[in-house]
Each structure stands twice: as C-alpha cells, then as structure tokens.
C-alpha cells in the first residue's frame, strides 16, 4: 500500500512540474519574441538610416 501511495505521489508531482514547466517555457518564448521584434524595430531603422546617409553622394 505504501509503495502504491509513493508512486501516485510521484505521478502527481510529475504532472504538476510538467504544467509549471510548460507555462515557464511559454513565458520565455513570448519574451524572446518580444525582444526579437523590438531589436528589429530599433536596429532595422538604424540600418535604413545608415544606408540613406551613405547614399547621399
């Protein structure tokens, strides 16, 4: 009976950890997407400005 209780507890902890890890992974992915877009916004504009400034002559 004790062994059964231990295995059920391990399964419950594994499921809880999997749910927590999935949420953490999703949050990390959203932050990566946000920073990727912000990087493109800020440095993409700078590249266009440099191209325009170098092409004036």
PDB file of N, CA and C in Angstrom:
ATOM      1  N   UNK A   1       0.823  -1.192   0.000  1.00  0.00           N
ATOM      2  CA  UNK A   1       0.000   0.000   0.000  1.00  0.00           C
ATOM      3  C   UNK A   1       0.870   1.260   0.000  1.00  0.00           C
ATOM      4  N   UNK A   2       1.946   1.237   0.780  1.00  0.00           N
ATOM      5  CA  UNK A   2       2.828   2.399   0.852  1.00  0.00           C
ATOM      6  C   UNK A   2       3.498   2.640  -0.494  1.00  0.00           C
ATOM      7  N   UNK A   3       3.893   1.568  -1.163  1.00  0.00           N
ATOM      8  CA  UNK A   3       4.541   1.708  -2.472  1.00  0.00           C
ATOM      9  C   UNK A   3       3.574   2.331  -3.478  1.00  0.00           C
ATOM     10  N   UNK A   4       2.334   1.919  -3.427  1.00  0.00           N
ATOM     11  CA  UNK A   4       1.321   2.494  -4.319  1.00  0.00           C
ATOM     12  C   UNK A   4       1.154   3.989  -4.041  1.00  0.00           C
ATOM     13  N   UNK A   5       1.109   4.358  -2.770  1.00  0.00           N
ATOM     14  CA  UNK A   5       0.979   5.766  -2.389  1.00  0.00           C
ATOM     15  C   UNK A   5       2.183   6.575  -2.891  1.00  0.00           C
ATOM     16  N   UNK A   6       3.376   6.012  -2.793  1.00  0.00           N
ATOM     17  CA  UNK A   6       4.581   6.698  -3.254  1.00  0.00           C
ATOM     18  C   UNK A   6       4.523   6.909  -4.763  1.00  0.00           C
ATOM     19  N   UNK A   7       4.135   5.913  -5.509  1.00  0.00           N
ATOM     20  CA  UNK A   7       4.052   6.040  -6.960  1.00  0.00           C
ATOM     21  C   UNK A   7       2.985   7.049  -7.386  1.00  0.00           C
ATOM     22  N   UNK A   8       1.857   7.053  -6.716  1.00  0.00           N
ATOM     23  CA  UNK A   8       0.806   8.027  -7.024  1.00  0.00           C
ATOM     24  C   UNK A   8       1.299   9.438  -6.717  1.00  0.00           C
ATOM     25  N   UNK A   9       2.009   9.597  -5.617  1.00  0.00           N
ATOM     26  CA  UNK A   9       2.553  10.912  -5.268  1.00  0.00           C
ATOM     27  C   UNK A   9       3.581  11.356  -6.303  1.00  0.00           C
ATOM     28  N   UNK A  10       4.435  10.456  -6.749  1.00  0.00           N
ATOM     29  CA  UNK A  10       5.428  10.790  -7.778  1.00  0.00           C
ATOM     30  C   UNK A  10       4.763  11.193  -9.088  1.00  0.00           C
ATOM     31  N   UNK A  11       3.719  10.506  -9.462  1.00  0.00           N
ATOM     32  CA  UNK A  11       2.997  10.851 -10.691  1.00  0.00           C
ATOM     33  C   UNK A  11       2.357  12.227 -10.554  1.00  0.00           C
ATOM     34  N   UNK A  12       1.765  12.520  -9.403  1.00  0.00           N
ATOM     35  CA  UNK A  12       1.136  13.824  -9.188  1.00  0.00           C
ATOM     36  C   UNK A  12       2.169  14.940  -9.240  1.00  0.00           C
ATOM     37  N   UNK A  13       3.325  14.725  -8.624  1.00  0.00           N
ATOM     38  CA  UNK A  13       4.381  15.737  -8.655  1.00  0.00           C
ATOM     39  C   UNK A  13       4.892  15.916 -10.077  1.00  0.00           C
ATOM     40  N   UNK A  14       5.028  14.852 -10.818  1.00  0.00           N
ATOM     41  CA  UNK A  14       5.492  14.929 -12.203  1.00  0.00           C
ATOM     42  C   UNK A  14       4.514  15.722 -13.059  1.00  0.00           C
ATOM     43  N   UNK A  15       3.239  15.505 -12.896  1.00  0.00           N
ATOM     44  CA  UNK A  15       2.233  16.240 -13.665  1.00  0.00           C
ATOM     45  C   UNK A  15       2.268  17.715 -13.289  1.00  0.00           C
ATOM     46  N   UNK A  16       2.355  18.009 -11.999  1.00  0.00           N
ATOM     47  CA  UNK A  16       2.399  19.411 -11.559  1.00  0.00           C
ATOM     48  C   UNK A  16       3.642  20.102 -12.108  1.00  0.00           C
ATOM     49  N   UNK A  17       4.777  19.442 -12.073  1.00  0.00           N
ATOM     50  CA  UNK A  17       6.009  20.036 -12.593  1.00  0.00           C
ATOM     51  C   UNK A  17       5.921  20.248 -14.106  1.00  0.00           C
ATOM     52  N   UNK A  18       5.312  19.308 -14.809  1.00  0.00           N
ATOM     53  CA  UNK A  18       5.167  19.450 -16.255  1.00  0.00           C
ATOM     54  C   UNK A  18       4.312  20.662 -16.607  1.00  0.00           C
ATOM     55  N   UNK A  19       3.242  20.867 -15.876  1.00  0.00           N
ATOM     56  CA  UNK A  19       2.380  22.027 -16.125  1.00  0.00           C
ATOM     57  C   UNK A  19       3.142  23.314 -15.831  1.00  0.00           C
ATOM     58  N   UNK A  20       3.868  23.360 -14.720  1.00  0.00           N
ATOM     59  CA  UNK A  20       4.644  24.547 -14.355  1.00  0.00           C
ATOM     60  C   UNK A  20       5.729  24.827 -15.393  1.00  0.00           C
ATOM     61  N   UNK A  21       6.409  23.795 -15.841  1.00  0.00           N
ATOM     62  CA  UNK A  21       7.479  23.956 -16.819  1.00  0.00           C
ATOM     63  C   UNK A  21       6.930  24.425 -18.171  1.00  0.00           C
ATOM     64  N   UNK A  22       5.772  23.932 -18.557  1.00  0.00           N
ATOM     65  CA  UNK A  22       5.160  24.359 -19.815  1.00  0.00           C
ATOM     66  C   UNK A  22       4.805  25.841 -19.762  1.00  0.00           C
ATOM     67  N   UNK A  23       4.290  26.312 -18.640  1.00  0.00           N
ATOM     68  CA  UNK A  23       3.955  27.730 -18.501  1.00  0.00           C
ATOM     69  C   UNK A  23       5.209  28.585 -18.538  1.00  0.00           C
ATOM     70  N   UNK A  24       6.270  28.123 -17.864  1.00  0.00           N
ATOM     71  CA  UNK A  24       7.519  28.875 -17.850  1.00  0.00           C
ATOM     72  C   UNK A  24       8.130  28.937 -19.244  1.00  0.00           C
ATOM     73  N   UNK A  25       8.064  27.852 -19.968  1.00  0.00           N
ATOM     74  CA  UNK A  25       8.584  27.814 -21.328  1.00  0.00           C
ATOM     75  C   UNK A  25       7.802  28.744 -22.239  1.00  0.00           C
ATOM     76  N   UNK A  26       6.497  28.774 -22.084  1.00  0.00           N
ATOM     77  CA  UNK A  26       5.658  29.665 -22.897  1.00  0.00           C
ATOM     78  C   UNK A  26       5.984  31.127 -22.610  1.00  0.00           C
ATOM     79  N   UNK A  27       6.180  31.461 -21.350  1.00  0.00           N
ATOM     80  CA  UNK A  27       6.537  32.832 -20.984  1.00  0.00           C
ATOM     81  C   UNK A  27       7.895  33.206 -21.577  1.00  0.00           C
ATOM     82  N   UNK A  28       8.832  32.305 -21.509  1.00  0.00           N
ATOM     83  CA  UNK A  28      10.162  32.567 -22.072  1.00  0.00           C
ATOM     84  C   UNK A  28      10.089  32.759 -23.587  1.00  0.00           C
ATOM     85  N   UNK A  29       9.262  31.981 -24.260  1.00  0.00           N
ATOM     86  CA  UNK A  29       9.107  32.118 -25.708  1.00  0.00           C
ATOM     87  C   UNK A  29       8.492  33.468 -26.065  1.00  0.00           C
ATOM     88  N   UNK A  30       7.496  33.886 -25.286  1.00  0.00           N
ATOM     89  CA  UNK A  30       6.876  35.188 -25.537  1.00  0.00           C
ATOM     90  C   UNK A  30       7.871  36.321 -25.330  1.00  0.00           C
ATOM     91  N   UNK A  31       8.706  36.224 -24.312  1.00  0.00           N
ATOM     92  CA  UNK A  31       9.719  37.263 -24.075  1.00  0.00           C
ATOM     93  C   UNK A  31      10.743  37.279 -25.206  1.00  0.00           C
ATOM     94  N   UNK A  32      11.150  36.102 -25.685  1.00  0.00           N
ATOM     95  CA  UNK A  32      12.085  36.047 -26.812  1.00  0.00           C
ATOM     96  C   UNK A  32      11.483  36.700 -28.051  1.00  0.00           C
ATOM     97  N   UNK A  33      10.202  36.421 -28.314  1.00  0.00           N
ATOM     98  CA  UNK A  33       9.532  37.040 -29.461  1.00  0.00           C
ATOM     99  C   UNK A  33       9.478  38.561 -29.306  1.00  0.00           C
ATOM    100  N   UNK A  34       9.177  39.024 -28.110  1.00  0.00           N
ATOM    101  CA  UNK A  34       9.097  40.463 -27.858  1.00  0.00           C
ATOM    102  C   UNK A  34      10.446  41.131 -28.117  1.00  0.00           C
ATOM    103  N   UNK A  35      11.511  40.570 -27.559  1.00  0.00           N
ATOM    104  CA  UNK A  35      12.826  41.179 -27.736  1.00  0.00           C
ATOM    105  C   UNK A  35      13.300  41.096 -29.188  1.00  0.00           C
ATOM    106  N   UNK A  36      12.931  40.023 -29.893  1.00  0.00           N
ATOM    107  CA  UNK A  36      13.304  39.903 -31.302  1.00  0.00           C
ATOM    108  C   UNK A  36      12.635  41.003 -32.123  1.00  0.00           C
ATOM    109  N   UNK A  37      11.359  41.261 -31.867  1.00  0.00           N
ATOM    110  CA  UNK A  37      10.630  42.301 -32.593  1.00  0.00           C
ATOM    111  C   UNK A  37      11.187  43.677 -32.245  1.00  0.00           C
ATOM    112  N   UNK A  38      11.448  43.923 -30.973  1.00  0.00           N
ATOM    113  CA  UNK A  38      11.994  45.220 -30.573  1.00  0.00           C
ATOM    114  C   UNK A  38      13.384  45.438 -31.166  1.00  0.00           C
ATOM    115  N   UNK A  39      14.179  44.395 -31.245  1.00  0.00           N
ATOM    116  CA  UNK A  39      15.511  44.504 -31.840  1.00  0.00           C
ATOM    117  C   UNK A  39      15.389  44.881 -33.316  1.00  0.00           C
ATOM    118  N   UNK A  40      14.472  44.219 -34.016  1.00  0.00           N
ATOM    119  CA  UNK A  40      14.284  44.533 -35.429  1.00  0.00           C
ATOM    120  C   UNK A  40      13.784  45.958 -35.622  1.00  0.00           C
ATOM    121  N   UNK A  41      12.905  46.416 -34.723  1.00  0.00           N
ATOM    122  CA  UNK A  41      12.395  47.786 -34.831  1.00  0.00           C
ATOM    123  C   UNK A  41      13.526  48.800 -34.656  1.00  0.00           C
ATOM    124  N   UNK A  42      14.332  48.621 -33.635  1.00  0.00           N
ATOM    125  CA  UNK A  42      15.339  49.636 -33.328  1.00  0.00           C
ATOM    126  C   UNK A  42      16.538  49.552 -34.258  1.00  0.00           C
ATOM    127  N   UNK A  43      17.062  48.362 -34.503  1.00  0.00           N
ATOM    128  CA  UNK A  43      18.261  48.255 -35.328  1.00  0.00           C
ATOM    129  C   UNK A  43      17.943  48.239 -36.811  1.00  0.00           C
ATOM    130  N   UNK A  44      16.731  47.833 -37.189  1.00  0.00           N
ATOM    131  CA  UNK A  44      16.335  47.887 -38.587  1.00  0.00           C
ATOM    132  C   UNK A  44      16.241  49.314 -39.079  1.00  0.00           C
ATOM    133  N   UNK A  45      15.716  50.193 -38.241  1.00  0.00           N
ATOM    134  CA  UNK A  45      15.616  51.611 -38.595  1.00  0.00           C
ATOM    135  C   UNK A  45      17.008  52.210 -38.711  1.00  0.00           C
ATOM    136  N   UNK A  46      17.908  51.864 -37.818  1.00  0.00           N
ATOM    137  CA  UNK A  46      19.265  52.391 -37.860  1.00  0.00           C
ATOM    138  C   UNK A  46      19.983  51.957 -39.133  1.00  0.00           C
ATOM    139  N   UNK A  47      19.751  50.721 -39.579  1.00  0.00           N
ATOM    140  CA  UNK A  47      20.374  50.254 -40.818  1.00  0.00           C
ATOM    141  C   UNK A  47      19.850  51.034 -42.017  1.00  0.00           C
ATOM    142  N   UNK A  48      18.549  51.312 -42.040  1.00  0.00           N
ATOM    143  CA  UNK A  48      17.972  52.089 -43.140  1.00  0.00           C
ATOM    144  C   UNK A  48      18.522  53.515 -43.135  1.00  0.00           C
ATOM    145  N   UNK A  49      18.661  54.107 -41.948  1.00  0.00           N
ATOM    146  CA  UNK A  49      19.206  55.459 -41.860  1.00  0.00           C
ATOM    147  C   UNK A  49      20.652  55.484 -42.335  1.00  0.00           C
ATOM    148  N   UNK A  50      21.425  54.470 -41.995  1.00  0.00           N
ATOM    149  CA  UNK A  50      22.831  54.418 -42.418  1.00  0.00           C
ATOM    150  C   UNK A  50      22.919  54.273 -43.930  1.00  0.00           C
ATOM    151  N   UNK A  51      22.048  53.486 -44.517  1.00  0.00           N
ATOM    152  CA  UNK A  51      22.045  53.315 -45.968  1.00  0.00           C
ATOM    153  C   UNK A  51      21.692  54.634 -46.645  1.00  0.00           C
ATOM    154  N   UNK A  52      20.711  55.351 -46.122  1.00  0.00           N
ATOM    155  CA  UNK A  52      20.323  56.631 -46.704  1.00  0.00           C
ATOM    156  C   UNK A  52      21.437  57.654 -46.517  1.00  0.00           C
ATOM    157  N   UNK A  53      22.088  57.650 -45.370  1.00  0.00           N
ATOM    158  CA  UNK A  53      23.164  58.639 -45.119  1.00  0.00           C
ATOM    159  C   UNK A  53      24.372  58.357 -45.987  1.00  0.00           C
ATOM    160  N   UNK A  54      24.652  57.101 -46.268  1.00  0.00           N
ATOM    161  CA  UNK A  54      25.817  56.759 -47.083  1.00  0.00           C
ATOM    162  C   UNK A  54      25.532  56.936 -48.587  1.00  0.00           C
ATOM    163  N   UNK A  55      24.277  57.029 -48.959  1.00  0.00           N
ATOM    164  CA  UNK A  55      23.936  57.124 -50.368  1.00  0.00           C
ATOM    165  C   UNK A  55      23.663  58.539 -50.846  1.00  0.00           C
ATOM    166  N   UNK A  56      23.981  59.541 -50.042  1.00  0.00           N
ATOM    167  CA  UNK A  56      23.660  60.913 -50.442  1.00  0.00           C
ATOM    168  C   UNK A  56      24.598  61.453 -51.490  1.00  0.00           C
ATOM    169  N   UNK A  57      25.782  60.912 -51.612  1.00  0.00           N
ATOM    170  CA  UNK A  57      26.752  61.471 -52.565  1.00  0.00           C
ATOM    171  C   UNK A  57      26.720  60.802 -53.889  1.00  0.00           C
TER     172      UNK A  57
END
